[in-house]
Amino acid sequence: MIVRTERPEVVAGALSPELAEHIPRTKVSVESRAGEVAIVIEADDQAALRAALNSYIRWTNVAEETAKEAGRR
């Protein structure tokens, strides 16, 4: 999954603690690139993939919105 963002380092940094947490039946990697964050999720089955995707999408949105809000102050 590629997430385009103005703050790739911030988003990737916010996701890094989640990489230490084990999501059953999945393996996840996150990489910051110019203008985007690459999130690679490998899962044993569809249910595990869906759960991991939902979590990382939600965490990415929270990180992006928090960074935007912090930039306004």
C-alpha atoms as a PDB file:
ATOM      1  CA  MET A   1       0.000   0.000   0.000  1.00  0.00           C
ATOM      2  CA  ILE A   2       1.387   3.426  -0.930  1.00  0.00           C
ATOM      3  CA  VAL A   3       0.238   6.450   1.064  1.00  0.00           C
ATOM      4  CA  ARG A   4       0.992   9.824  -0.474  1.00  0.00           C
ATOM      5  CA  THR A   5       1.695  12.449   2.169  1.00  0.00           C
ATOM      6  CA  GLU A   6       3.470  15.745   2.662  1.00  0.00           C
ATOM      7  CA  ARG A   7       4.988  14.301   5.839  1.00  0.00           C
ATOM      8  CA  PRO A   8       6.314  10.817   5.032  1.00  0.00           C
ATOM      9  CA  GLU A   9       8.924  10.800   7.805  1.00  0.00           C
ATOM     10  CA  VAL A  10       6.339  11.817  10.406  1.00  0.00           C
ATOM     11  CA  VAL A  11       3.831   9.189   9.290  1.00  0.00           C
ATOM     12  CA  ALA A  12       6.457   6.427   9.093  1.00  0.00           C
ATOM     13  CA  GLY A  13       7.800   7.448  12.498  1.00  0.00           C
ATOM     14  CA  ALA A  14       4.322   7.333  14.000  1.00  0.00           C
ATOM     15  CA  LEU A  15       3.800   3.834  12.609  1.00  0.00           C
ATOM     16  CA  SER A  16       7.152   2.481  13.822  1.00  0.00           C
ATOM     17  CA  PRO A  17       5.961   1.569  17.365  1.00  0.00           C
ATOM     18  CA  GLU A  18       3.211  -0.539  15.787  1.00  0.00           C
ATOM     19  CA  LEU A  19       5.835  -2.586  13.948  1.00  0.00           C
ATOM     20  CA  ALA A  20       7.081  -3.834  17.317  1.00  0.00           C
ATOM     21  CA  GLU A  21       3.595  -5.137  18.126  1.00  0.00           C
ATOM     22  CA  HIS A  22       2.751  -8.541  16.745  1.00  0.00           C
ATOM     23  CA  ILE A  23      -0.420  -8.773  14.679  1.00  0.00           C
ATOM     24  CA  PRO A  24      -1.277 -12.481  14.460  1.00  0.00           C
ATOM     25  CA  ARG A  25      -0.603 -14.157  11.107  1.00  0.00           C
ATOM     26  CA  THR A  26       0.947 -11.038   9.536  1.00  0.00           C
ATOM     27  CA  LYS A  27       4.314  -9.484   8.739  1.00  0.00           C
ATOM     28  CA  VAL A  28       4.488  -5.722   8.131  1.00  0.00           C
ATOM     29  CA  SER A  29       7.187  -3.337   6.940  1.00  0.00           C
ATOM     30  CA  VAL A  30       7.044   0.451   6.569  1.00  0.00           C
ATOM     31  CA  GLU A  31       9.355   2.587   4.444  1.00  0.00           C
ATOM     32  CA  SER A  32       9.440   6.368   4.070  1.00  0.00           C
ATOM     33  CA  ARG A  33      10.081   7.675   0.557  1.00  0.00           C
ATOM     34  CA  ALA A  34       9.919  11.073  -1.119  1.00  0.00           C
ATOM     35  CA  GLY A  35       6.320  12.185  -0.687  1.00  0.00           C
ATOM     36  CA  GLU A  36       4.986   8.781   0.304  1.00  0.00           C
ATOM     37  CA  VAL A  37       5.058   5.919   2.770  1.00  0.00           C
ATOM     38  CA  ALA A  38       5.159   2.313   1.557  1.00  0.00           C
ATOM     39  CA  ILE A  39       3.422  -0.189   3.827  1.00  0.00           C
ATOM     40  CA  VAL A  40       3.897  -3.843   2.899  1.00  0.00           C
ATOM     41  CA  ILE A  41       1.628  -6.349   4.611  1.00  0.00           C
ATOM     42  CA  GLU A  42       2.026 -10.098   4.214  1.00  0.00           C
ATOM     43  CA  ALA A  43      -0.750 -12.194   5.737  1.00  0.00           C
ATOM     44  CA  ASP A  44      -1.560 -15.868   6.085  1.00  0.00           C
ATOM     45  CA  ASP A  45      -5.223 -15.356   5.186  1.00  0.00           C
ATOM     46  CA  GLN A  46      -7.797 -12.754   4.134  1.00  0.00           C
ATOM     47  CA  ALA A  47      -9.046 -12.082   7.639  1.00  0.00           C
ATOM     48  CA  ALA A  48      -5.547 -11.286   8.897  1.00  0.00           C
ATOM     49  CA  LEU A  49      -4.872  -9.091   5.851  1.00  0.00           C
ATOM     50  CA  ARG A  50      -8.112  -7.165   6.319  1.00  0.00           C
ATOM     51  CA  ALA A  51      -7.443  -6.618  10.024  1.00  0.00           C
ATOM     52  CA  ALA A  52      -3.895  -5.387   9.403  1.00  0.00           C
ATOM     53  CA  LEU A  53      -4.951  -3.132   6.514  1.00  0.00           C
ATOM     54  CA  ASN A  54      -7.728  -1.565   8.576  1.00  0.00           C
ATOM     55  CA  SER A  55      -5.352  -0.932  11.462  1.00  0.00           C
ATOM     56  CA  TYR A  56      -2.591   0.608   9.350  1.00  0.00           C
ATOM     57  CA  ILE A  57      -5.030   2.756   7.364  1.00  0.00           C
ATOM     58  CA  ARG A  58      -6.521   4.071  10.611  1.00  0.00           C
ATOM     59  CA  TRP A  59      -3.104   4.699  12.215  1.00  0.00           C
ATOM     60  CA  THR A  60      -1.865   6.430   9.058  1.00  0.00           C
ATOM     61  CA  ASN A  61      -4.887   8.736   9.009  1.00  0.00           C
ATOM     62  CA  VAL A  62      -4.435   9.586  12.686  1.00  0.00           C
ATOM     63  CA  ALA A  63      -0.733  10.360  12.171  1.00  0.00           C
ATOM     64  CA  GLU A  64      -1.429  12.556   9.145  1.00  0.00           C
ATOM     65  CA  GLU A  65      -4.250  14.480  10.833  1.00  0.00           C
ATOM     66  CA  THR A  66      -2.224  14.954  14.020  1.00  0.00           C
ATOM     67  CA  ALA A  67       0.753  16.277  12.034  1.00  0.00           C
ATOM     68  CA  LYS A  68      -1.506  18.683  10.122  1.00  0.00           C
ATOM     69  CA  GLU A  69      -3.084  19.941  13.332  1.00  0.00           C
ATOM     70  CA  ALA A  70       0.306  20.375  15.016  1.00  0.00           C
ATOM     71  CA  GLY A  71       1.518  22.365  12.004  1.00  0.00           C
ATOM     72  CA  ARG A  72      -1.338  24.831  12.408  1.00  0.00           C
ATOM     73  CA  ARG A  73      -0.233  25.844  15.886  1.00  0.00           C
END
